[in-house]
Protein backbone atom coordinates (compact mmCIF):
# COMPACT_ATOMS: atom_id res chain seq x y z
CA MET A 1 -21.04 -7.97 4.49
CA ASN A 2 -17.92 -9.17 4.16
CA HIS A 3 -15.82 -5.57 4.14
CA SER A 4 -12.58 -6.94 3.17
CA ARG A 5 -11.08 -10.49 2.97
CA LEU A 6 -7.76 -8.88 4.70
CA LYS A 7 -9.20 -8.96 8.27
CA SER A 8 -5.90 -8.97 9.96
CA GLN A 9 -4.54 -5.78 8.36
CA PRO A 10 -5.48 -2.54 10.48
CA SER A 11 -8.25 -0.15 8.66
CA GLU A 12 -10.53 2.78 9.06
CA ASN A 13 -13.65 3.97 7.66
CA ILE A 14 -12.92 7.36 5.71
CA LEU A 15 -16.32 8.36 4.85
CA GLY A 16 -18.01 5.00 4.28
CA THR A 17 -14.64 3.54 2.36
CA LEU A 18 -12.63 1.25 4.74
CA VAL A 19 -9.03 1.85 3.87
CA HIS A 20 -6.00 -0.32 5.12
CA ALA A 21 -3.27 0.94 7.03
CA VAL A 22 -0.39 -0.25 4.73
CA THR A 23 3.01 0.13 3.91
CA ILE A 24 4.17 0.02 0.35
CA THR A 25 6.67 -2.92 1.36
CA GLN A 26 3.57 -4.45 2.83
CA ALA A 27 1.60 -4.10 -0.02
CA THR A 28 4.44 -5.91 -2.47
CA GLY A 29 4.30 -8.80 0.19
CA PHE A 30 0.35 -8.93 -0.16
CA LEU A 31 0.54 -8.96 -4.00
CA GLU A 32 3.69 -11.50 -4.37
CA GLY A 33 1.49 -13.85 -2.03
CA TRP A 34 -1.36 -14.06 -4.01
CA ALA A 35 -0.31 -14.34 -7.16
CA SER A 36 1.82 -17.35 -5.56
CA GLN A 37 -1.41 -18.34 -4.29
CA GLN A 38 -3.73 -17.87 -7.63
CA THR A 39 -5.87 -15.95 -5.10
CA SER A 40 -8.65 -14.13 -6.81
CA GLY A 41 -9.95 -10.85 -5.82
CA TYR A 42 -9.19 -7.02 -6.65
CA VAL A 43 -7.07 -4.17 -4.88
CA CYS A 44 -8.50 -0.84 -5.30
CA PRO A 45 -6.44 2.45 -4.72
CA ALA A 46 -8.14 5.09 -2.46
CA THR A 47 -7.66 8.65 -3.25
CA VAL A 48 -9.90 11.62 -2.20
CA TYR A 49 -11.28 11.36 -5.89
CA SER A 50 -12.76 7.72 -5.21
CA VAL A 51 -13.08 8.28 -1.46
CA MET A 52 -15.86 11.11 -2.55
CA ILE A 53 -17.45 8.86 -5.47
CA ALA A 54 -17.70 6.07 -3.04
CA HIS A 55 -19.32 8.46 -0.43
CA LYS A 56 -22.09 9.63 -3.17
CA ASN A 57 -22.72 5.92 -4.77
CA THR A 58 -23.54 3.13 -2.35
CA ALA A 59 -22.79 0.70 -5.38
CA TYR A 60 -19.34 1.76 -5.80
CA ARG A 61 -18.95 1.81 -1.70
CA LYS A 62 -20.22 -1.59 -1.51
CA LEU A 63 -17.57 -2.74 -4.68
CA VAL A 64 -14.41 -0.99 -3.15
CA ASN A 65 -15.39 -2.41 0.44
CA GLY A 66 -15.34 -6.04 -1.06
CA SER A 67 -11.82 -5.70 -2.10
CA LEU A 68 -8.86 -7.82 -0.97
CA LEU A 69 -6.97 -5.00 -0.35
CA THR A 70 -7.45 -0.76 -0.85
CA ILE A 71 -4.56 1.04 -0.27
CA PRO A 72 -4.23 4.54 0.51
CA ASP A 73 -3.05 6.24 -2.72
CA GLY A 74 -3.45 9.66 -1.58
CA MET A 75 -1.97 11.65 0.81
CA PRO A 76 -4.85 12.87 2.59
CA LEU A 77 -5.95 9.35 3.75
CA VAL A 78 -2.34 8.54 4.56
CA TRP A 79 -2.72 11.15 7.25
CA ILE A 80 -6.00 10.63 8.63
CA LEU A 81 -4.72 7.23 8.92
CA LYS A 82 -1.79 8.67 10.96
CA LEU A 83 -3.95 10.59 12.83
CA GLN A 84 -6.18 7.41 14.22
CA GLY A 85 -2.90 6.07 15.39
CA HIS A 86 -1.97 3.73 12.17
CA LYS A 87 1.64 3.17 10.80
CA THR A 88 1.55 3.78 6.87
CA THR A 89 3.00 5.10 4.52
CA ARG A 90 1.50 6.72 0.70
CA VAL A 91 1.20 3.22 -1.50
CA HIS A 92 0.61 4.78 -4.78
CA GLY A 93 -0.23 2.77 -7.24
CA PRO A 94 2.13 3.87 -10.12
CA VAL A 95 4.86 3.19 -7.38
CA LEU A 96 3.43 -0.40 -6.24
CA MET A 97 3.56 -1.37 -9.80
CA LEU A 98 7.00 -0.72 -10.15
CA SER A 99 7.49 -2.07 -6.19
CA VAL A 100 6.46 -5.62 -7.58
CA CYS A 101 7.78 -5.18 -11.02
CA SER A 102 11.68 -4.59 -9.34
CA ARG A 103 11.42 -7.90 -8.11
CA SER A 104 11.44 -10.24 -10.95
CA PRO A 105 12.24 -12.33 -12.20
CA GLY A 106 12.40 -14.24 -9.27
CA ASN A 107 8.98 -13.77 -7.37
CA GLY A 108 7.32 -16.57 -9.96
CA ILE A 109 5.23 -13.63 -10.98
CA ARG A 110 3.53 -13.43 -14.67
CA HIS A 111 2.00 -10.07 -15.32
CA PHE A 112 -0.53 -8.87 -17.68
CA LEU A 113 -1.01 -5.17 -18.43
CA LEU A 114 -4.87 -4.20 -19.25
CA GLY A 115 -5.41 -0.66 -19.68
CA GLY A 116 -4.41 2.75 -21.08
CA ALA A 117 -4.68 4.65 -24.63
CA LEU A 118 -4.57 3.51 -28.13
CA GLY A 119 -0.71 1.48 -27.80
CA GLN A 120 0.00 2.36 -24.14
CA ALA A 121 -0.18 -0.92 -22.51
CA GLU A 122 2.22 -2.66 -25.17
CA GLU A 123 4.66 0.66 -24.53
CA VAL A 124 4.46 -0.23 -20.95
CA SER A 125 5.15 -3.98 -21.38
CA GLU A 126 8.50 -2.42 -23.34
CA VAL A 127 9.59 -0.38 -20.87
CA LEU A 128 9.16 -3.09 -17.85
CA LYS A 129 10.94 -5.86 -19.96
CA ASN A 130 14.13 -3.05 -20.54
CA THR A 131 14.41 -2.04 -17.50
CA TYR A 132 13.47 -5.20 -15.38
CA HIS A 133 15.16 -8.33 -17.34
CA GLY A 134 13.76 -11.20 -17.45
CA ILE A 135 10.30 -10.17 -16.06
CA GLU A 136 7.41 -11.96 -17.40
CA ILE A 137 4.81 -10.10 -18.86
CA VAL A 138 2.55 -12.63 -20.31
CA GLY A 139 0.29 -10.22 -22.33
CA SER A 140 -1.08 -6.78 -22.32
CA ILE A 141 -4.14 -5.20 -23.96
CA SER A 142 -4.88 -1.40 -24.50
CA THR A 143 -8.33 -0.25 -23.34
CA PRO A 144 -9.42 3.27 -25.55
CA LYS A 145 -12.69 4.23 -23.82
CA ASP A 146 -14.01 5.34 -27.31
CA THR A 147 -13.97 1.82 -28.80
CA TRP A 148 -13.90 -0.21 -25.76
CA SER A 149 -17.17 -2.62 -25.50
CA GLU A 150 -18.31 -5.74 -23.69
CA SER A 151 -17.27 -8.12 -26.41
CA ASP A 152 -13.76 -6.80 -25.62
CA ASN A 153 -14.14 -7.36 -21.78
CA LEU A 154 -14.68 -10.81 -22.52
CA SER A 155 -12.07 -11.35 -24.57
CA ALA A 156 -9.44 -10.20 -22.37
CA VAL A 157 -10.87 -12.34 -19.62
CA SER A 158 -10.22 -15.01 -22.20
CA LYS A 159 -6.41 -14.10 -23.23
CA ILE A 160 -5.74 -13.38 -19.42
CA GLN A 161 -7.04 -17.10 -18.39
CA THR A 162 -4.76 -18.75 -21.41
CA SER A 163 -1.94 -16.60 -20.88
CA GLY A 164 -1.47 -17.72 -17.41
CA ALA A 165 -0.87 -14.58 -15.70
CA ASN A 166 -1.39 -14.60 -11.79
CA LEU A 167 -1.30 -10.70 -11.75
CA VAL A 168 -2.94 -8.13 -13.86
CA TRP A 169 -2.47 -4.33 -13.66
CA VAL A 170 -5.52 -2.31 -14.34
CA GLY A 171 -4.60 1.32 -15.74
CA MET A 172 -8.59 2.04 -16.91
CA GLY A 173 -8.63 5.03 -14.11
CA THR A 174 -11.03 5.23 -11.30
CA PRO A 175 -14.06 3.80 -10.66
CA TRP A 176 -13.52 2.11 -14.35
CA GLN A 177 -10.93 -0.10 -13.34
CA ASP A 178 -12.36 -0.82 -10.04
CA GLU A 179 -15.84 -1.83 -11.60
CA TRP A 180 -13.95 -4.15 -14.11
CA ALA A 181 -11.60 -5.68 -11.10
CA ALA A 182 -14.73 -6.61 -9.09
CA GLN A 183 -16.87 -7.83 -12.11
CA TYR A 184 -13.75 -10.29 -13.88
CA SER A 185 -11.68 -10.81 -11.12
CA PRO A 186 -13.82 -14.32 -10.09
CA GLN A 187 -12.56 -15.77 -13.38
CA ILE A 188 -8.78 -14.81 -13.13
CA GLN A 189 -6.13 -17.24 -11.47
CA GLY A 190 -4.43 -13.71 -8.97
CA PRO A 191 -4.96 -10.44 -7.73
CA VAL A 192 -6.30 -7.70 -10.46
CA VAL A 193 -4.64 -4.40 -8.74
CA GLY A 194 -6.02 -1.08 -10.17
CA VAL A 195 -3.14 0.98 -10.60
CA GLY A 196 -4.57 4.59 -11.59
CA SER A 197 -1.96 6.52 -14.08
CA ALA A 198 0.66 3.95 -13.88
CA PHE A 199 0.20 3.57 -17.50
CA ASP A 200 0.62 7.29 -18.40
CA PHE A 201 3.70 7.61 -16.09
CA ILE A 202 5.50 4.31 -16.78
CA SER A 203 5.04 5.21 -20.57
CA GLY A 204 6.46 8.63 -20.38
CA ARG A 205 3.32 9.82 -21.68
CA VAL A 206 2.51 11.59 -18.58
CA SER A 207 5.64 12.77 -16.26
CA TRP A 208 6.16 12.00 -12.94
CA ALA A 209 5.39 14.63 -10.55
CA PRO A 210 8.97 15.94 -8.01
CA LYS A 211 9.63 13.13 -5.29
CA TRP A 212 8.73 16.25 -2.92
CA VAL A 213 5.63 17.17 -4.47
CA GLN A 214 4.42 13.52 -4.35
CA HIS A 215 4.85 13.09 -0.49
CA THR A 216 3.55 16.57 0.70
CA GLY A 217 0.18 15.64 -0.85
CA PHE A 218 0.02 18.85 -3.07
CA GLN A 219 0.26 15.97 -6.61
CA TRP A 220 -2.90 17.31 -7.14
CA LEU A 221 -2.41 20.72 -7.67
CA TYR A 222 0.70 19.29 -9.80
CA ARG A 223 -1.82 17.46 -12.20
CA LEU A 224 -3.76 20.46 -12.29
CA VAL A 225 -1.92 22.67 -13.39
CA ARG A 226 -0.61 20.02 -15.90
CA GLU A 227 -3.93 19.01 -17.36
CA PRO A 228 -6.70 21.55 -16.09
CA ARG A 229 -9.31 20.97 -18.42
CA ARG A 230 -9.42 17.42 -17.36
CA LEU A 231 -9.30 17.97 -13.87
CA TRP A 232 -10.37 21.50 -12.60
CA ARG A 233 -13.60 19.90 -11.62
CA ARG A 234 -12.13 16.46 -9.81
CA TYR A 235 -10.14 18.73 -7.67
CA LEU A 236 -11.75 22.28 -7.18
CA PHE A 237 -14.95 20.83 -5.91
CA ASN A 238 -14.29 17.22 -4.22
CA ASN A 239 -11.16 18.58 -2.32
CA PRO A 240 -13.06 21.04 -0.21
CA THR A 241 -15.95 18.82 0.69
CA PHE A 242 -14.14 16.19 1.59
CA VAL A 243 -12.24 17.88 4.39
CA PHE A 244 -15.51 18.94 5.57
CA LEU A 245 -16.74 15.58 5.47
CA VAL A 246 -13.67 14.07 6.92
CA ILE A 247 -13.67 17.00 10.27
CA LEU A 248 -17.55 15.89 10.46
CA GLN A 249 -16.71 12.56 10.99
CA LEU A 250 -13.63 12.88 13.27
CA LEU A 251 -15.72 14.74 15.63
CA GLY A 252 -18.48 12.73 15.79
CA ILE A 253 -21.06 15.40 14.51
CA ARG A 254 -21.66 12.94 11.02
CA LYS A 255 -20.91 8.86 10.46
CA TYR A 256 -20.81 6.88 7.14
CA PRO A 257 -21.90 3.29 6.66
CA LEU A 258 -19.67 0.95 5.18
CA GLU A 259 -22.34 -0.79 2.65
């Protein structure tokens, strides 16, 4: 199986998920290149949460490992990559999105925004247009989970195709955004990039963690305090298990296949 189309970039198997050792600058460059070449494919953000889902779910693991690029979105993954001798930085989905947008206009990218609660994609579009004057945002569609259907998926693909977009940002959350991107990216002329909570942050519906928190690896704790009812199971069960399994892998006691 082709575990990644970006074979020239260093990567590591972390519990069965192939995570690329990239910097924010490199990831920005890759996206701009794929957009200009209209390369179909998708980019997945790797976090402790997504790696644990992939560890338990073979189909999802196979999907993530078939991406153009899997970025180290969570600090624990950055630490593991550095421990293995790689030069990398955290490539947080929302920050990556702003990094690419900040280089518009002039980079030839026509952005499409897909995701978020009702009206949220449109809010993000307005914020980006007001922040980066001249940016080309050729469409935006919100994807409220309680009403989104398969016909909505097909309609969204059709609108993306007719819009002329060559870069699609998908803010549906994990694992939905990765599943969507893997299924529909072959029909889109340009990369489809999962950016998780980017729409929440950029729209202002959720506040950013302080920068010092983002770089210490405790952003999960900041989010848990702010959204305990939604996130407590994800963090309090997944994080300790992740640490235990990674230790076993680093010690050579357990091996995890790249499905």
